[in-house]
Amino acid sequence: MTWVKIVARRNSSDEMAEIIERVVGDIIDELIEKYYSDKVDQYVEYEELLVRIANEISRIVFKGKATPAEIESYLYKLREKRGYAKLILSYLIGKTLELREEVEGYTAISDKA
């Protein structure tokens, strides 16, 4: 991968994290605090989680071909239905954490008996 592509990917990731935080960050924070605080604090950087959520939205909703503006528009529409937004975002957070655990072999302390 060339330096230009690496920088472009990083800028895109930063932009996506910023969009997610700005539009639905309060909902994500509420969900993390209520359901996922142990896993997010231990295993995942918050910005990484936001980028992965944006990537999943792009992949699932837009078949992998979404611009940041399209994702932002989708999130604003999603936000209008807060209960639905919580359900979808909770699913995406859980999926992201589950994939992370599978890849890196993490197990939450509370999961150990």
Protein backbone atom coordinates (compact mmCIF):
# COMPACT_ATOMS: atom_id res chain seq x y z
CA MET A 1 0.00 0.00 0.00
CA THR A 2 1.42 3.36 -0.94
CA TRP A 3 1.89 6.23 1.46
CA VAL A 4 -0.85 8.25 -0.29
CA LYS A 5 -3.37 5.42 0.18
CA ILE A 6 -2.43 5.03 3.84
CA VAL A 7 -2.88 8.76 4.49
CA ALA A 8 -6.16 8.80 2.53
CA ARG A 9 -7.50 5.83 4.50
CA ARG A 10 -6.53 7.46 7.80
CA ASN A 11 -8.18 10.76 6.85
CA SER A 12 -11.30 8.87 5.77
CA SER A 13 -11.33 6.92 9.05
CA ASP A 14 -10.94 10.11 11.07
CA GLU A 15 -13.77 11.74 9.11
CA MET A 16 -16.05 8.74 9.63
CA ALA A 17 -15.34 8.63 13.36
CA GLU A 18 -16.10 12.36 13.59
CA ILE A 19 -19.40 11.96 11.73
CA ILE A 20 -20.53 9.05 13.89
CA GLU A 21 -19.56 10.91 17.08
CA ARG A 22 -21.31 14.11 16.00
CA VAL A 23 -24.57 12.53 14.84
CA VAL A 24 -25.14 9.57 17.18
CA GLY A 25 -22.31 9.77 19.70
CA ASP A 26 -24.67 10.40 22.59
CA ILE A 27 -26.65 7.26 21.77
CA ILE A 28 -23.47 5.20 21.44
CA ASP A 29 -22.16 6.55 24.74
CA GLU A 30 -25.43 5.62 26.46
CA LEU A 31 -25.33 2.09 25.03
CA ILE A 32 -21.69 1.58 25.97
CA GLU A 33 -22.27 2.80 29.50
CA LYS A 34 -25.32 0.56 29.93
CA TYR A 35 -24.24 -2.65 28.18
CA TYR A 36 -20.64 -2.69 26.97
CA SER A 37 -18.50 -0.59 29.32
CA ASP A 38 -16.31 -3.48 30.45
CA LYS A 39 -15.46 -4.56 26.91
CA VAL A 40 -14.99 -1.13 25.38
CA ASP A 41 -12.79 0.10 28.21
CA GLN A 42 -10.59 -2.98 28.12
CA TYR A 43 -10.41 -3.99 24.50
CA VAL A 44 -11.34 -1.31 22.04
CA GLU A 45 -10.37 2.27 21.52
CA TYR A 46 -13.46 4.41 21.17
CA GLU A 47 -12.43 5.91 17.82
CA GLU A 48 -11.77 2.44 16.43
CA LEU A 49 -15.28 1.41 17.47
CA LEU A 50 -16.77 4.42 15.68
CA VAL A 51 -14.87 3.64 12.48
CA ARG A 52 -15.97 0.01 12.58
CA ILE A 53 -19.60 1.07 13.04
CA ALA A 54 -19.29 3.36 10.00
CA ASN A 55 -17.73 0.54 7.99
CA GLU A 56 -20.54 -1.85 8.92
CA ILE A 57 -23.18 0.72 7.98
CA SER A 58 -21.44 1.24 4.66
CA ARG A 59 -21.20 -2.50 4.05
CA ILE A 60 -24.72 -3.45 5.15
CA VAL A 61 -26.79 -0.44 4.07
CA PHE A 62 -24.85 0.74 1.04
CA LYS A 63 -23.24 -2.53 -0.10
CA GLY A 64 -19.79 -1.12 0.66
CA LYS A 65 -20.04 1.93 -1.56
CA ALA A 66 -21.02 4.80 0.71
CA THR A 67 -19.61 8.27 0.86
CA PRO A 68 -19.23 9.98 4.22
CA ALA A 69 -22.14 12.26 3.25
CA GLU A 70 -24.40 9.26 2.60
CA ILE A 71 -23.54 7.70 5.94
CA GLU A 72 -24.13 11.02 7.69
CA SER A 73 -27.53 11.37 6.03
CA TYR A 74 -28.45 7.80 7.00
CA LEU A 75 -27.45 8.46 10.61
CA TYR A 76 -29.58 11.61 10.81
CA LYS A 77 -32.58 9.65 9.51
CA LEU A 78 -31.82 6.83 11.94
CA ARG A 79 -31.56 9.29 14.82
CA GLU A 80 -35.13 10.44 14.21
CA LYS A 81 -36.28 7.01 15.44
CA ARG A 82 -34.28 6.83 18.66
CA GLY A 83 -35.50 3.39 19.74
CA TYR A 84 -34.66 1.93 16.35
CA ALA A 85 -31.31 3.74 16.39
CA LYS A 86 -30.47 2.20 19.77
CA LEU A 87 -31.33 -1.26 18.50
CA ILE A 88 -29.21 -0.95 15.34
CA LEU A 89 -26.28 0.73 17.06
CA SER A 90 -26.32 -1.78 19.91
CA TYR A 91 -26.21 -4.59 17.36
CA LEU A 92 -23.27 -2.97 15.57
CA ILE A 93 -21.37 -2.37 18.81
CA GLY A 94 -21.94 -5.95 19.92
CA LYS A 95 -20.92 -7.32 16.54
CA THR A 96 -17.76 -5.23 16.50
CA LEU A 97 -16.78 -6.37 19.99
CA GLU A 98 -17.56 -9.98 19.19
CA LEU A 99 -15.41 -9.92 16.05
CA ARG A 100 -12.62 -8.25 17.95
CA GLU A 101 -12.74 -10.93 20.65
CA GLU A 102 -12.66 -13.71 18.04
CA VAL A 103 -9.73 -12.20 16.18
CA GLU A 104 -7.62 -11.30 19.18
CA GLY A 105 -8.78 -13.99 21.59
CA TYR A 106 -10.09 -11.61 24.22
CA THR A 107 -12.41 -12.80 26.92
CA ALA A 108 -14.12 -10.39 29.27
CA ILE A 109 -13.22 -10.81 32.93
CA SER A 110 -16.92 -11.29 33.72
CA ASP A 111 -17.03 -14.20 31.24
CA LYS A 112 -14.46 -16.17 33.23
CA ALA A 113 -15.93 -18.41 35.90
